[in-house]
């Protein structure tokens, strides 16, 4: 089994395990499900995830700085 497409590999396995009528139904449902997904390469996903983590940390740091400035301002009044 050297199918390049993971879905083809899945259906090849299922072809040996399910009756033809069930296989067609499963194939239709899986195809319908995947048509609603917007898949991206793992490399792109990981890059965006890393950017988001960096931004979260920056927001946390800025919130902490703002709180410190607000406390200092409140004490000086």
C-alpha atoms as a PDB file:
ATOM      1  CA  UNK A   1       0.000   0.000   0.000  1.00  0.00           C
ATOM      2  CA  UNK A   2       1.918   3.039  -1.262  1.00  0.00           C
ATOM      3  CA  UNK A   3      -0.900   5.514  -1.834  1.00  0.00           C
ATOM      4  CA  UNK A   4       0.294   9.114  -1.704  1.00  0.00           C
ATOM      5  CA  UNK A   5      -3.127  10.413  -0.698  1.00  0.00           C
ATOM      6  CA  UNK A   6      -3.986   9.540   2.934  1.00  0.00           C
ATOM      7  CA  UNK A   7      -7.680   9.284   2.096  1.00  0.00           C
ATOM      8  CA  UNK A   8      -6.966   6.803  -0.672  1.00  0.00           C
ATOM      9  CA  UNK A   9      -4.941   4.742   1.777  1.00  0.00           C
ATOM     10  CA  UNK A  10      -7.782   4.837   4.284  1.00  0.00           C
ATOM     11  CA  UNK A  11     -10.339   3.771   1.698  1.00  0.00           C
ATOM     12  CA  UNK A  12      -8.054   0.955   0.538  1.00  0.00           C
ATOM     13  CA  UNK A  13      -7.974  -0.402   4.100  1.00  0.00           C
ATOM     14  CA  UNK A  14     -11.723   0.002   4.489  1.00  0.00           C
ATOM     15  CA  UNK A  15     -12.389  -1.664   1.142  1.00  0.00           C
ATOM     16  CA  UNK A  16     -11.195  -4.941   2.653  1.00  0.00           C
ATOM     17  CA  UNK A  17     -13.153  -4.465   5.879  1.00  0.00           C
ATOM     18  CA  UNK A  18     -16.555  -3.076   4.868  1.00  0.00           C
ATOM     19  CA  UNK A  19     -19.298  -4.158   2.511  1.00  0.00           C
ATOM     20  CA  UNK A  20     -19.356  -2.106  -0.707  1.00  0.00           C
ATOM     21  CA  UNK A  21     -22.554  -0.219   0.201  1.00  0.00           C
ATOM     22  CA  UNK A  22     -21.118   0.857   3.565  1.00  0.00           C
ATOM     23  CA  UNK A  23     -17.814   1.803   1.988  1.00  0.00           C
ATOM     24  CA  UNK A  24     -19.531   4.138  -0.461  1.00  0.00           C
ATOM     25  CA  UNK A  25     -21.470   5.774   2.369  1.00  0.00           C
ATOM     26  CA  UNK A  26     -18.340   6.233   4.474  1.00  0.00           C
ATOM     27  CA  UNK A  27     -16.431   7.542   1.482  1.00  0.00           C
ATOM     28  CA  UNK A  28     -19.155  10.093   0.776  1.00  0.00           C
ATOM     29  CA  UNK A  29     -19.273  11.272   4.401  1.00  0.00           C
ATOM     30  CA  UNK A  30     -15.496  11.571   4.714  1.00  0.00           C
ATOM     31  CA  UNK A  31     -15.235  13.449   1.421  1.00  0.00           C
ATOM     32  CA  UNK A  32     -18.001  15.792   2.524  1.00  0.00           C
ATOM     33  CA  UNK A  33     -16.284  16.382   5.867  1.00  0.00           C
ATOM     34  CA  UNK A  34     -12.920  17.142   4.281  1.00  0.00           C
ATOM     35  CA  UNK A  35     -14.469  19.522   1.754  1.00  0.00           C
ATOM     36  CA  UNK A  36     -15.355  21.842   4.657  1.00  0.00           C
ATOM     37  CA  UNK A  37     -11.825  21.930   6.068  1.00  0.00           C
ATOM     38  CA  UNK A  38      -9.190  24.446   5.129  1.00  0.00           C
ATOM     39  CA  UNK A  39      -5.976  22.481   5.460  1.00  0.00           C
ATOM     40  CA  UNK A  40      -2.563  24.125   5.572  1.00  0.00           C
ATOM     41  CA  UNK A  41       0.914  22.635   5.506  1.00  0.00           C
ATOM     42  CA  UNK A  42       2.231  21.720   8.951  1.00  0.00           C
ATOM     43  CA  UNK A  43       5.204  24.053   8.470  1.00  0.00           C
ATOM     44  CA  UNK A  44       2.865  27.030   7.924  1.00  0.00           C
ATOM     45  CA  UNK A  45       0.690  26.058  10.894  1.00  0.00           C
ATOM     46  CA  UNK A  46       3.707  25.797  13.193  1.00  0.00           C
ATOM     47  CA  UNK A  47       5.046  29.163  12.000  1.00  0.00           C
ATOM     48  CA  UNK A  48       1.712  30.845  12.727  1.00  0.00           C
ATOM     49  CA  UNK A  49       1.468  29.095  16.092  1.00  0.00           C
ATOM     50  CA  UNK A  50       4.919  30.394  17.028  1.00  0.00           C
ATOM     51  CA  UNK A  51       3.971  33.932  16.014  1.00  0.00           C
ATOM     52  CA  UNK A  52       0.811  33.695  18.122  1.00  0.00           C
ATOM     53  CA  UNK A  53       2.771  32.507  21.150  1.00  0.00           C
ATOM     54  CA  UNK A  54       5.193  35.414  20.748  1.00  0.00           C
ATOM     55  CA  UNK A  55       2.292  37.876  20.470  1.00  0.00           C
ATOM     56  CA  UNK A  56       0.593  36.409  23.549  1.00  0.00           C
ATOM     57  CA  UNK A  57       3.782  36.885  25.541  1.00  0.00           C
ATOM     58  CA  UNK A  58       4.159  40.456  24.296  1.00  0.00           C
ATOM     59  CA  UNK A  59       0.568  41.268  25.291  1.00  0.00           C
ATOM     60  CA  UNK A  60       1.133  39.738  28.730  1.00  0.00           C
ATOM     61  CA  UNK A  61       4.311  41.801  29.191  1.00  0.00           C
ATOM     62  CA  UNK A  62       2.568  44.994  28.060  1.00  0.00           C
ATOM     63  CA  UNK A  63      -0.365  44.372  30.402  1.00  0.00           C
ATOM     64  CA  UNK A  64       2.050  43.913  33.275  1.00  0.00           C
ATOM     65  CA  UNK A  65       3.915  47.132  32.380  1.00  0.00           C
ATOM     66  CA  UNK A  66       0.628  49.025  32.133  1.00  0.00           C
ATOM     67  CA  UNK A  67      -0.475  47.748  35.529  1.00  0.00           C
ATOM     68  CA  UNK A  68       2.858  48.826  37.030  1.00  0.00           C
ATOM     69  CA  UNK A  69       2.512  52.301  35.489  1.00  0.00           C
ATOM     70  CA  UNK A  70      -1.080  52.631  36.707  1.00  0.00           C
ATOM     71  CA  UNK A  71      -0.034  51.659  40.243  1.00  0.00           C
ATOM     72  CA  UNK A  72       2.836  54.141  40.174  1.00  0.00           C
ATOM     73  CA  UNK A  73       0.479  56.859  38.923  1.00  0.00           C
ATOM     74  CA  UNK A  74      -2.075  56.065  41.624  1.00  0.00           C
ATOM     75  CA  UNK A  75       0.617  56.323  44.335  1.00  0.00           C
ATOM     76  CA  UNK A  76       1.853  59.666  43.032  1.00  0.00           C
ATOM     77  CA  UNK A  77      -1.604  61.247  43.169  1.00  0.00           C
END
